[in-house]
Protein backbone atom coordinates (compact mmCIF):
# COMPACT_ATOMS: atom_id res chain seq x y z
CA UNK A 1 -19.84 3.42 -11.82
CA UNK A 2 -16.82 4.95 -12.76
CA UNK A 3 -13.54 3.15 -12.50
CA UNK A 4 -11.40 4.25 -10.03
CA UNK A 5 -6.72 3.03 -9.49
CA UNK A 6 -5.28 1.96 -6.50
CA UNK A 7 -1.16 2.17 -6.92
CA UNK A 8 0.59 0.73 -4.60
CA UNK A 9 4.78 2.49 -4.87
CA UNK A 10 6.63 -0.06 -3.27
CA UNK A 11 9.23 -1.81 -5.24
CA UNK A 12 7.30 -4.12 -5.04
CA UNK A 13 4.01 -3.05 -5.48
CA UNK A 14 1.02 -2.47 -7.85
CA UNK A 15 -1.63 -1.11 -9.11
CA UNK A 16 -5.88 -2.34 -9.83
CA UNK A 17 -7.83 -1.05 -11.95
CA UNK A 18 -11.14 -2.31 -10.77
CA UNK A 19 -14.16 -1.72 -13.22
CA UNK A 20 -17.57 -2.43 -10.96
CA UNK A 21 -19.79 -1.65 -13.80
CA UNK A 22 -18.44 -5.44 -14.75
CA UNK A 23 -20.74 -8.15 -13.56
CA UNK A 24 -20.47 -11.45 -15.64
CA UNK A 25 -19.02 -14.40 -14.24
CA UNK A 26 -16.16 -14.63 -16.32
CA UNK A 27 -14.95 -11.67 -16.86
CA UNK A 28 -13.00 -9.99 -13.55
CA UNK A 29 -13.64 -6.39 -12.93
CA UNK A 30 -10.02 -6.16 -11.54
CA UNK A 31 -6.96 -5.00 -13.69
CA UNK A 32 -3.31 -5.73 -11.65
CA UNK A 33 -0.58 -4.59 -12.72
CA UNK A 34 2.20 -5.96 -10.77
CA UNK A 35 5.91 -3.10 -10.77
CA UNK A 36 8.45 -5.99 -9.13
CA UNK A 37 10.23 -5.97 -12.03
CA UNK A 38 9.86 -2.90 -14.12
CA UNK A 39 11.74 -0.54 -15.23
CA UNK A 40 10.57 3.17 -13.73
CA UNK A 41 9.83 3.94 -18.05
CA UNK A 42 7.64 0.88 -18.27
CA UNK A 43 5.99 1.42 -14.66
CA UNK A 44 5.28 5.79 -15.70
CA UNK A 45 4.03 4.07 -19.28
CA UNK A 46 1.58 1.68 -17.35
CA UNK A 47 0.40 3.74 -15.27
CA UNK A 48 -0.03 6.43 -17.85
CA UNK A 49 -1.98 4.57 -20.06
CA UNK A 50 -4.21 3.36 -17.49
CA UNK A 51 -5.50 6.76 -15.56
CA UNK A 52 -6.64 8.44 -18.13
CA UNK A 53 -9.33 5.77 -18.14
CA UNK A 54 -10.05 5.71 -14.69
CA UNK A 55 -12.11 8.60 -12.76
CA UNK A 56 -10.18 8.55 -10.07
CA UNK A 57 -6.27 7.13 -8.63
CA UNK A 58 -6.24 6.41 -4.88
CA UNK A 59 -1.44 6.75 -4.70
CA UNK A 60 -0.22 6.10 -1.59
CA UNK A 61 1.79 8.28 -0.26
CA UNK A 62 5.03 7.39 1.13
CA UNK A 63 7.56 8.11 2.95
CA UNK A 64 10.72 7.60 4.70
CA UNK A 65 10.32 5.05 8.07
CA UNK A 66 12.37 4.36 10.75
CA UNK A 67 15.32 2.13 10.01
CA UNK A 68 14.65 2.21 6.60
CA UNK A 69 18.18 2.24 4.22
CA UNK A 70 18.50 5.46 2.28
CA UNK A 71 18.91 3.22 -0.92
CA UNK A 72 15.41 1.31 -0.23
CA UNK A 73 13.70 5.24 0.91
CA UNK A 74 15.25 6.66 -2.42
CA UNK A 75 14.33 4.07 -4.94
CA UNK A 76 10.46 4.32 -3.08
CA UNK A 77 10.29 7.95 -3.73
CA UNK A 78 11.75 7.67 -6.82
CA UNK A 79 9.02 5.22 -8.03
CA UNK A 80 6.64 7.19 -5.59
CA UNK A 81 7.30 10.13 -8.46
CA UNK A 82 7.12 9.25 -11.05
CA UNK A 83 3.80 7.31 -10.02
CA UNK A 84 2.90 10.91 -9.33
CA UNK A 85 3.70 12.86 -12.70
CA UNK A 86 2.52 10.61 -14.51
CA UNK A 87 -1.23 9.53 -13.38
CA UNK A 88 -1.25 13.73 -13.03
CA UNK A 89 -1.09 14.52 -16.69
CA UNK A 90 -3.30 11.31 -17.50
CA UNK A 91 -5.89 11.09 -15.07
CA UNK A 92 -8.74 13.05 -13.90
CA UNK A 93 -8.62 13.22 -10.11
CA UNK A 94 -5.83 12.09 -7.50
CA UNK A 95 -5.47 11.98 -4.87
CA UNK A 96 -2.73 10.96 -2.24
CA UNK A 97 -3.49 9.26 0.42
CA UNK A 98 -1.34 8.33 3.37
CA UNK A 99 -1.38 4.12 4.37
CA UNK A 100 -3.37 5.05 7.99
CA UNK A 101 -5.91 6.95 7.55
CA UNK A 102 -6.69 4.67 3.94
CA UNK A 103 -7.03 1.65 6.38
CA UNK A 104 -9.02 2.97 9.15
CA UNK A 105 -10.96 4.35 6.57
CA UNK A 106 -12.27 1.01 5.05
CA UNK A 107 -11.26 -0.98 8.57
CA UNK A 108 -8.56 -2.62 7.89
CA UNK A 109 -6.96 -4.42 10.81
CA UNK A 110 -4.35 -2.30 12.80
CA UNK A 111 -0.57 -2.47 13.10
CA UNK A 112 0.13 -3.89 16.44
CA UNK A 113 2.83 -2.37 18.73
CA UNK A 114 6.03 -3.81 20.07
CA UNK A 115 7.46 -2.06 23.43
CA UNK A 116 10.42 -0.97 22.07
CA UNK A 117 13.15 -1.78 25.05
CA UNK A 118 14.92 0.85 27.15
CA UNK A 119 18.03 3.11 26.66
CA UNK A 120 20.05 2.82 29.79
CA UNK A 121 21.81 0.05 28.72
CA UNK A 122 23.37 0.03 31.91
CA UNK A 123 26.75 -0.85 34.00
CA UNK A 124 27.61 -3.79 34.37
CA UNK A 125 28.90 -6.11 31.22
CA UNK A 126 25.50 -8.55 31.95
CA UNK A 127 23.80 -5.57 32.01
CA UNK A 128 24.83 -4.71 28.55
CA UNK A 129 24.30 -8.34 27.42
CA UNK A 130 21.40 -8.45 28.12
CA UNK A 131 20.09 -5.03 27.16
CA UNK A 132 21.49 -5.87 23.80
CA UNK A 133 19.27 -8.91 24.17
CA UNK A 134 16.53 -7.26 23.73
CA UNK A 135 17.44 -4.90 22.03
CA UNK A 136 17.47 -7.51 19.19
CA UNK A 137 14.94 -9.42 20.08
CA UNK A 138 12.37 -6.50 20.04
CA UNK A 139 14.12 -6.22 16.17
CA UNK A 140 12.79 -10.42 15.76
CA UNK A 141 9.11 -8.76 17.03
CA UNK A 142 8.77 -6.16 15.51
CA UNK A 143 9.94 -7.87 11.76
CA UNK A 144 7.06 -9.70 13.30
CA UNK A 145 4.84 -7.85 14.19
CA UNK A 146 5.06 -5.96 10.09
CA UNK A 147 4.81 -9.75 8.21
CA UNK A 148 1.56 -10.03 10.29
CA UNK A 149 -0.34 -6.82 9.62
CA UNK A 150 0.60 -8.05 5.94
CA UNK A 151 -0.71 -11.38 6.37
CA UNK A 152 -3.63 -9.66 7.32
CA UNK A 153 -3.95 -6.97 4.76
CA UNK A 154 -4.13 -9.55 1.94
CA UNK A 155 -6.50 -12.08 4.39
CA UNK A 156 -9.06 -8.73 3.90
CA UNK A 157 -7.93 -8.54 0.29
CA UNK A 158 -9.45 -11.80 -0.70
CA UNK A 159 -12.48 -11.50 1.47
CA UNK A 160 -13.70 -8.85 -0.34
CA UNK A 161 -12.26 -9.60 -3.70
CA UNK A 162 -13.52 -13.58 -3.46
CA UNK A 163 -12.42 -14.06 -7.33
CA UNK A 164 -9.48 -12.54 -6.97
CA UNK A 165 -5.42 -14.82 -6.61
CA UNK A 166 -4.38 -11.73 -4.09
CA UNK A 167 -1.22 -11.63 -3.46
CA UNK A 168 1.55 -10.13 -0.44
CA UNK A 169 2.45 -7.23 -3.18
CA UNK A 170 -0.82 -5.97 -4.57
CA UNK A 171 -3.05 -7.17 -0.74
CA UNK A 172 -2.13 -2.97 -0.23
CA UNK A 173 -3.32 -1.97 -4.49
CA UNK A 174 -6.97 -4.02 -3.76
CA UNK A 175 -7.83 -2.17 -0.99
CA UNK A 176 -6.47 1.76 -1.96
CA UNK A 177 -9.02 0.48 -5.11
CA UNK A 178 -11.48 -0.47 -2.97
CA UNK A 179 -11.16 2.24 -0.53
CA UNK A 180 -11.13 4.71 -3.56
CA UNK A 181 -14.47 3.10 -4.81
CA UNK A 182 -15.91 2.75 -1.31
CA UNK A 183 -14.81 6.85 0.07
CA UNK A 184 -13.77 8.82 -2.58
CA UNK A 185 -15.61 8.71 -4.96
CA UNK A 186 -18.57 8.73 -2.88
CA UNK A 187 -17.54 11.85 -0.97
CA UNK A 188 -16.52 13.68 -4.57
CA UNK A 189 -19.83 12.66 -5.97
CA UNK A 190 -21.10 14.67 -2.60
CA UNK A 191 -23.09 11.67 -1.55
CA UNK A 192 -22.20 9.52 2.13
CA UNK A 193 -19.43 7.24 2.10
């Protein structure tokens, strides 16, 4: 078996290097690096050093999302670019994958859809007030759905890696490493997934 690296490029993301050939009870097959509180230089260095030692790097391909601030989107894009460059310079194989693609491929629970209220605010004061209240409730429901989805991902990662300490910040990286090992690595070898 070969070593793989899963990378979640978010500001609170991280990377998990999975070495399945390590089977001893006292040694973990996973090496985890959290990006929170790391400088861009530290992130780039850590990625480059780790990517050198693995066969496949799977990087989550992120983009700006509706409702996300410009500063956050820029910061996330900068992280993605730094990590992509460091990976391309040092790894044997870099694979970019969108969140919904890798989550669907390994059977992750999907995000719950929250119906959006109509755009028509009405003409009376009471109709407009009701519309504003509906928008506020929609915003809260959407945040709750996102939080629940993240907790579902964490629970799945904890089931797959019971000896590891999974956090909300690292669960995507664990699942990306699992995706690399079970989906991408067999594809590269010409084996059925």
